[in-house]
Amino acid sequence: MHKWQERSRPLRLERRFEFATYELTRDFLDCLGKLCEKRQRFPDISFGKTYVNLTLQIDSEDEDSQASDLDKEFAMEIDALIDEDSD
């Protein structure tokens, strides 16, 4: 979770993933797609040949709000995709 940045206005979590090859990028995106379908949560995604930028929007009207445990859990599940990819 330490690589995710919590931002405000609007409240969100952001992270950049970098890969050695396009194939690894594509594999990560495929796994991410399956996870998102399973969780029914869909981050904003931008990507290039060897990187993926993710933004998890946090539903909150409160300006002093923080990411919830569920938001952080989802971010950790995404992080785990990297570990699974390298197996």
Protein backbone atom coordinates (compact mmCIF):
# COMPACT_ATOMS: atom_id res chain seq x y z
CA MET A 1 0.00 0.00 0.00
CA HIS A 2 3.00 2.29 0.53
CA LYS A 3 3.38 2.92 -3.22
CA TRP A 4 -0.17 4.28 -3.51
CA GLN A 5 -0.54 8.04 -3.15
CA GLU A 6 -3.64 9.41 -1.47
CA ARG A 7 -4.77 12.65 -3.12
CA SER A 8 -7.54 15.09 -2.35
CA ARG A 9 -9.97 17.17 -4.40
CA PRO A 10 -11.32 14.76 -5.46
CA LEU A 11 -10.28 12.13 -2.95
CA ARG A 12 -8.50 9.27 -4.73
CA LEU A 13 -5.67 6.73 -4.58
CA GLU A 14 -3.10 6.72 -7.39
CA ARG A 15 -0.27 4.42 -8.37
CA ARG A 16 2.02 3.85 -11.34
CA PHE A 17 3.14 0.33 -12.23
CA GLU A 18 6.16 -0.13 -14.50
CA PHE A 19 7.06 -3.26 -16.47
CA ALA A 20 10.05 -4.49 -18.42
CA THR A 21 8.08 -5.47 -21.52
CA TYR A 22 4.80 -4.82 -23.28
CA GLU A 23 3.84 -8.47 -22.70
CA LEU A 24 4.12 -8.02 -18.92
CA THR A 25 2.05 -4.83 -19.14
CA ARG A 26 -0.64 -6.63 -21.11
CA ASP A 27 -0.63 -9.60 -18.69
CA PHE A 28 -1.09 -7.23 -15.75
CA LEU A 29 -3.99 -5.47 -17.50
CA ASP A 30 -5.66 -8.82 -18.23
CA CYS A 31 -5.39 -9.85 -14.56
CA LEU A 32 -6.57 -6.42 -13.45
CA GLY A 33 -9.62 -6.72 -15.70
CA LYS A 34 -10.58 -10.04 -14.11
CA LEU A 35 -10.16 -8.63 -10.60
CA CYS A 36 -12.26 -5.57 -11.44
CA GLU A 37 -15.05 -7.72 -12.85
CA LYS A 38 -14.99 -9.90 -9.75
CA ARG A 39 -15.07 -6.93 -7.37
CA GLN A 40 -17.32 -4.77 -9.59
CA ARG A 41 -14.99 -1.85 -9.04
CA PHE A 42 -13.38 -0.12 -11.97
CA PRO A 43 -10.43 2.25 -11.56
CA ASP A 44 -9.45 4.87 -14.10
CA ILE A 45 -6.63 3.41 -16.20
CA SER A 46 -4.06 4.94 -18.50
CA PHE A 47 -1.22 2.91 -19.94
CA GLY A 48 1.60 2.79 -22.40
CA LYS A 49 3.99 0.15 -23.63
CA THR A 50 5.61 -0.51 -20.25
CA TYR A 51 3.52 1.31 -17.63
CA VAL A 52 0.03 1.46 -16.14
CA ASN A 53 -1.35 4.40 -14.14
CA LEU A 54 -4.33 3.65 -11.91
CA THR A 55 -6.66 6.00 -10.08
CA LEU A 56 -9.15 4.65 -7.55
CA GLN A 57 -11.91 7.20 -6.99
CA ILE A 58 -13.14 7.37 -3.41
CA ASP A 59 -16.86 8.02 -2.90
CA SER A 60 -16.99 10.73 -0.28
CA GLU A 61 -18.48 14.19 -0.03
CA ASP A 62 -16.51 15.00 3.12
CA GLU A 63 -13.43 17.11 2.38
CA ASP A 64 -11.56 15.68 5.41
CA SER A 65 -12.36 12.08 4.48
CA GLN A 66 -9.75 9.38 3.89
CA ALA A 67 -9.65 6.19 1.89
CA SER A 68 -11.65 3.44 3.61
CA ASP A 69 -10.39 0.00 4.57
CA LEU A 70 -12.28 -1.39 1.55
CA ASP A 71 -10.47 1.05 -0.75
CA LYS A 72 -7.10 0.05 0.72
CA GLU A 73 -8.00 -3.64 0.52
CA PHE A 74 -8.77 -3.28 -3.20
CA ALA A 75 -5.46 -1.46 -3.73
CA MET A 76 -3.62 -4.31 -1.97
CA GLU A 77 -5.41 -6.86 -4.16
CA ILE A 78 -4.15 -4.96 -7.20
CA ASP A 79 -0.62 -4.93 -5.74
CA ALA A 80 -0.86 -8.71 -5.30
CA LEU A 81 -1.33 -9.09 -9.07
CA ILE A 82 2.32 -8.13 -9.51
CA ASP A 83 3.42 -10.93 -7.18
CA GLU A 84 1.20 -13.43 -9.00
CA ASP A 85 2.53 -12.24 -12.37
CA SER A 86 6.12 -12.98 -11.38
CA ASP A 87 5.39 -16.60 -10.36
